[in-house]
Amino acid sequence: MMEGIESDLLDGPASKGRTFVERSDWVERNLETLLRMASEPANHLAELHLDRYVPGKSHAFQRLAALTELNRTHLEWEGTHKDPEKRDWSKVSSGQPIYLDASCNGYQHVAALLRDRDLAYKVNIIGKDSPRDLYGIVADNADASYARDLFSEILNGPEVDEAADRTFNRNTAKMPTMTRVYGSKDIPKCLQGRNQRGRPKFSDPVPYQLSDKEQREYDAIPDAAKVAHKEWRRTTTSISNTS
């Protein structure tokens, strides 16, 4: 629940791709800060992303619930005995749901049915090292040559590389890869709209104040790219209305 959360009080942000042992170690190192955030959430609204509503999937309140329960169980544990050496975790219970999702579940079934060891490793059925990310693997193997040619028409030098990196990443690859194994054939729909969940017109910025990081990213977009995007929007809207 703390993945991507940045704070000067933390020993670096939690990140994806860590083993369960590494996740546990991170919590232990940052336990004091996590308990403080849980006991005083109003003082950490921005850090916990509780200061604004973000349309679509958000972990903000799940994050707060996990922190609150972390704090409650530690208080209960401390109350099991005055002597820290005699405190007993076996006397502490919790009703907090544990979210443990599969990795690309459809492809896990495919790998198991076909006895495909290479695919099984990529979707974490086998292997004990850090979790693999099939969506990232798909993005890394995608042919970006056509897109790079298109980017070169409106961008220059390093901007082309940055645009390609932003386009061909695991977040872009996730939706079409995930839905394809369940029989979806409408790949373009998986690439449209904000968070790939809507028609192109829904990709307009939503009416909330951008964070400092988001504002910097928006300001860094070349004017030529913004103009090209507006022209593309005008053209697709005209075609849609005509049809």
Protein backbone atom coordinates (compact mmCIF):
# COMPACT_ATOMS: atom_id res chain seq x y z
CA MET A 1 0.00 0.00 0.00
CA MET A 2 2.98 2.36 0.38
CA GLU A 3 4.42 1.83 -3.10
CA GLY A 4 5.34 5.15 -4.69
CA ILE A 5 4.74 7.17 -1.52
CA GLU A 6 7.55 9.68 -1.07
CA SER A 7 8.44 11.34 2.22
CA ASP A 8 11.59 12.73 3.75
CA LEU A 9 10.71 10.72 6.86
CA LEU A 10 10.90 7.39 5.04
CA ASP A 11 13.98 5.35 4.20
CA GLY A 12 13.17 5.70 0.51
CA PRO A 13 9.81 4.83 -1.06
CA ALA A 14 8.47 1.30 -1.18
CA SER A 15 8.83 -0.04 -4.70
CA LYS A 16 7.50 -2.82 -6.87
CA GLY A 17 9.42 -5.99 -7.56
CA ARG A 18 10.52 -6.69 -3.99
CA THR A 19 10.39 -10.09 -2.33
CA PHE A 20 8.22 -10.58 0.75
CA VAL A 21 11.35 -10.54 2.92
CA GLU A 22 12.46 -7.23 1.39
CA ARG A 23 8.98 -5.77 1.98
CA SER A 24 9.07 -6.86 5.61
CA ASP A 25 12.53 -5.36 6.07
CA TRP A 26 11.33 -2.05 4.60
CA VAL A 27 8.43 -1.91 7.07
CA GLU A 28 10.76 -2.69 9.98
CA ARG A 29 13.16 0.09 8.96
CA ASN A 30 10.34 2.60 8.61
CA LEU A 31 8.11 1.37 11.43
CA GLU A 32 8.40 4.50 13.59
CA THR A 33 7.46 6.76 10.68
CA LEU A 34 4.58 4.52 9.59
CA LEU A 35 3.13 4.50 13.11
CA ARG A 36 3.44 8.28 13.27
CA MET A 37 1.62 8.67 9.94
CA ALA A 38 -1.10 6.34 11.17
CA SER A 39 -1.62 8.22 14.43
CA GLU A 40 -1.52 11.66 12.77
CA PRO A 41 -2.86 11.20 9.21
CA ALA A 42 -4.12 14.80 9.06
CA ASN A 43 -0.49 15.94 9.23
CA HIS A 44 0.48 13.77 6.24
CA LEU A 45 -2.43 14.26 3.82
CA ALA A 46 -0.28 15.14 0.81
CA GLU A 47 2.27 12.40 1.42
CA LEU A 48 -0.45 9.74 1.73
CA HIS A 49 -2.34 11.15 -1.30
CA LEU A 50 -5.39 11.91 0.83
CA ASP A 51 -5.53 15.59 -0.12
CA ARG A 52 -7.30 15.15 -3.45
CA TYR A 53 -9.52 12.73 -5.32
CA VAL A 54 -8.02 10.93 -8.28
CA PRO A 55 -10.56 9.32 -10.66
CA GLY A 56 -10.12 5.64 -11.27
CA LYS A 57 -8.37 3.13 -9.08
CA SER A 58 -6.96 4.67 -5.89
CA HIS A 59 -5.32 2.99 -2.90
CA ALA A 60 -5.52 6.07 -0.66
CA PHE A 61 -8.12 4.75 1.79
CA GLN A 62 -6.81 1.18 1.66
CA ARG A 63 -3.42 2.67 2.53
CA LEU A 64 -4.91 4.58 5.45
CA ALA A 65 -6.75 1.47 6.67
CA ALA A 66 -3.55 -0.60 6.59
CA LEU A 67 -1.60 2.06 8.48
CA THR A 68 -4.37 2.46 11.06
CA GLU A 69 -4.44 -1.29 11.70
CA LEU A 70 -0.63 -1.41 11.87
CA ASN A 71 -0.77 1.21 14.61
CA ARG A 72 -3.66 -0.45 16.46
CA THR A 73 -2.03 -3.88 16.57
CA HIS A 74 1.22 -2.43 17.88
CA LEU A 75 -0.66 -0.60 20.64
CA GLU A 76 -2.46 -3.84 21.49
CA TRP A 77 0.86 -5.72 21.49
CA GLU A 78 2.40 -3.14 23.83
CA GLY A 79 -0.55 -3.68 26.18
CA THR A 80 0.05 -7.42 26.51
CA HIS A 81 2.77 -6.81 29.11
CA LYS A 82 4.60 -3.90 30.72
CA ASP A 83 7.91 -5.65 30.13
CA PRO A 84 8.83 -5.35 26.41
CA GLU A 85 10.66 -8.68 26.64
CA LYS A 86 7.46 -10.46 27.69
CA ARG A 87 5.03 -8.97 25.19
CA ASP A 88 3.22 -11.65 23.20
CA TRP A 89 2.16 -11.29 19.56
CA SER A 90 0.08 -14.47 19.82
CA LYS A 91 -2.40 -12.49 21.92
CA VAL A 92 -2.92 -9.91 19.17
CA SER A 93 -5.53 -10.41 16.46
CA SER A 94 -6.43 -8.39 13.38
CA GLY A 95 -9.34 -8.19 10.98
CA GLN A 96 -7.41 -6.31 8.31
CA PRO A 97 -7.84 -8.05 4.92
CA ILE A 98 -4.58 -9.14 3.30
CA TYR A 99 -4.55 -8.26 -0.39
CA LEU A 100 -2.52 -10.93 -2.15
CA ASP A 101 -3.18 -10.88 -5.87
CA ALA A 102 -1.98 -13.31 -8.50
CA SER A 103 0.48 -12.26 -11.21
CA CYS A 104 -1.22 -12.17 -14.63
CA ASN A 105 -3.63 -14.88 -13.52
CA GLY A 106 -4.85 -15.76 -17.03
CA TYR A 107 -1.30 -16.40 -18.20
CA GLN A 108 -0.57 -18.36 -15.05
CA HIS A 109 -3.36 -20.76 -16.05
CA VAL A 110 -2.01 -20.92 -19.60
CA ALA A 111 1.50 -21.67 -18.34
CA ALA A 112 0.22 -24.41 -16.03
CA LEU A 113 -1.99 -26.02 -18.66
CA LEU A 114 0.75 -26.00 -21.31
CA ARG A 115 3.57 -26.82 -18.86
CA ASP A 116 5.43 -23.82 -20.27
CA ARG A 117 8.32 -23.28 -17.84
CA ASP A 118 9.52 -20.05 -19.46
CA LEU A 119 6.07 -18.44 -19.19
CA ALA A 120 5.60 -19.93 -15.71
CA TYR A 121 8.78 -18.17 -14.57
CA LYS A 122 7.73 -14.85 -16.11
CA VAL A 123 4.37 -14.93 -14.28
CA ASN A 124 5.90 -16.07 -10.96
CA ILE A 125 4.56 -19.63 -10.76
CA ILE A 126 8.13 -20.82 -10.34
CA GLY A 127 11.29 -19.05 -9.16
CA LYS A 128 12.06 -17.65 -5.72
CA ASP A 129 13.90 -14.45 -6.69
CA SER A 130 12.29 -11.02 -7.04
CA PRO A 131 8.88 -11.09 -8.77
CA ARG A 132 8.92 -10.83 -12.55
CA ASP A 133 6.68 -8.39 -14.42
CA LEU A 134 5.16 -9.83 -17.61
CA TYR A 135 3.76 -6.44 -18.63
CA GLY A 136 7.22 -4.91 -18.45
CA ILE A 137 8.61 -7.79 -20.50
CA VAL A 138 5.95 -7.21 -23.18
CA ALA A 139 6.74 -3.48 -23.24
CA ASP A 140 10.47 -4.15 -23.59
CA ASN A 141 9.83 -6.44 -26.58
CA ALA A 142 7.37 -4.16 -28.37
CA ASP A 143 8.39 -2.76 -31.77
CA ALA A 144 8.62 0.99 -31.24
CA SER A 145 10.10 1.87 -34.65
CA TYR A 146 6.87 3.22 -36.21
CA ALA A 147 6.06 5.26 -33.11
CA ARG A 148 9.57 6.70 -32.99
CA ASP A 149 9.22 7.84 -36.62
CA LEU A 150 5.98 9.58 -35.67
CA PHE A 151 7.54 11.19 -32.60
CA SER A 152 10.44 12.46 -34.73
CA GLU A 153 7.99 14.56 -36.75
CA ILE A 154 7.04 16.69 -33.72
CA LEU A 155 9.92 16.19 -31.26
CA ASN A 156 13.68 16.52 -31.31
CA GLY A 157 16.62 14.46 -30.05
CA PRO A 158 16.27 13.29 -26.45
CA GLU A 159 12.57 14.17 -26.49
CA VAL A 160 11.98 11.29 -28.93
CA ASP A 161 13.63 8.84 -26.55
CA GLU A 162 11.63 10.17 -23.60
CA ALA A 163 8.36 9.93 -25.53
CA ALA A 164 9.17 6.36 -26.55
CA ASP A 165 10.03 5.40 -22.97
CA ARG A 166 6.78 6.92 -21.69
CA THR A 167 4.72 5.20 -24.38
CA PHE A 168 6.30 1.76 -24.37
CA ASN A 169 6.22 1.00 -20.65
CA ARG A 170 4.55 -1.61 -18.48
CA ASN A 171 1.55 0.61 -17.71
CA THR A 172 0.74 0.94 -21.41
CA ALA A 173 1.28 -2.76 -22.03
CA LYS A 174 -0.77 -3.93 -19.04
CA MET A 175 -4.33 -3.44 -20.27
CA PRO A 176 -4.03 -4.99 -23.76
CA THR A 177 -1.84 -7.82 -22.46
CA MET A 178 -4.14 -8.60 -19.54
CA THR A 179 -7.40 -8.52 -21.49
CA ARG A 180 -6.06 -10.43 -24.53
CA VAL A 181 -5.69 -13.67 -22.59
CA TYR A 182 -9.38 -13.43 -21.67
CA GLY A 183 -10.40 -13.15 -25.32
CA SER A 184 -10.45 -9.39 -25.93
CA LYS A 185 -9.67 -8.38 -29.51
CA ASP A 186 -10.27 -4.62 -29.26
CA ILE A 187 -6.67 -3.62 -28.64
CA PRO A 188 -7.12 0.07 -29.65
CA LYS A 189 -9.76 0.48 -26.94
CA CYS A 190 -7.17 -0.67 -24.39
CA LEU A 191 -4.93 2.24 -25.37
CA GLN A 192 -7.47 5.07 -25.30
CA GLY A 193 -8.51 7.55 -22.66
CA ARG A 194 -7.22 8.49 -19.23
CA ASN A 195 -5.64 5.41 -17.61
CA GLN A 196 -6.69 3.48 -20.73
CA ARG A 197 -10.28 3.38 -19.52
CA GLY A 198 -12.32 5.41 -21.95
CA ARG A 199 -12.74 7.01 -25.33
CA PRO A 200 -10.19 9.62 -26.42
CA LYS A 201 -12.33 12.55 -25.27
CA PHE A 202 -11.97 11.30 -21.71
CA SER A 203 -8.21 11.85 -21.82
CA ASP A 204 -8.57 15.56 -21.08
CA PRO A 205 -7.04 16.66 -17.75
CA VAL A 206 -9.50 16.28 -14.89
CA PRO A 207 -10.44 19.43 -12.92
CA TYR A 208 -8.12 19.15 -9.94
CA GLN A 209 -4.91 20.94 -9.13
CA LEU A 210 -1.84 19.17 -10.43
CA SER A 211 0.85 18.17 -7.96
CA ASP A 212 4.25 19.83 -8.29
CA LYS A 213 5.61 16.72 -10.01
CA GLU A 214 2.67 16.50 -12.42
CA GLN A 215 2.94 20.21 -13.21
CA ARG A 216 6.65 19.86 -13.98
CA GLU A 217 5.93 16.92 -16.27
CA TYR A 218 3.19 18.85 -18.06
CA ASP A 219 5.37 21.94 -18.46
CA ALA A 220 8.16 19.77 -19.91
CA ILE A 221 5.95 18.64 -22.82
CA PRO A 222 7.08 20.55 -25.93
CA ASP A 223 4.58 23.03 -27.35
CA ALA A 224 4.74 21.26 -30.70
CA ALA A 225 3.54 18.04 -29.09
CA LYS A 226 0.67 19.85 -27.36
CA VAL A 227 -0.38 21.44 -30.66
CA ALA A 228 -0.18 18.06 -32.43
CA HIS A 229 -2.32 16.49 -29.71
CA LYS A 230 -4.98 19.21 -30.06
CA GLU A 231 -5.01 18.73 -33.84
CA TRP A 232 -5.35 14.97 -33.41
CA ARG A 233 -8.23 15.53 -30.98
CA ARG A 234 -9.94 17.89 -33.44
CA THR A 235 -9.57 15.40 -36.28
CA THR A 236 -10.80 12.38 -34.33
CA THR A 237 -13.76 14.35 -32.96
CA SER A 238 -14.71 15.45 -36.47
CA ILE A 239 -14.50 11.88 -37.79
CA SER A 240 -16.54 10.60 -34.85
CA ASN A 241 -19.26 13.21 -35.38
CA THR A 242 -19.38 12.50 -39.10
CA SER A 243 -19.71 8.75 -38.62
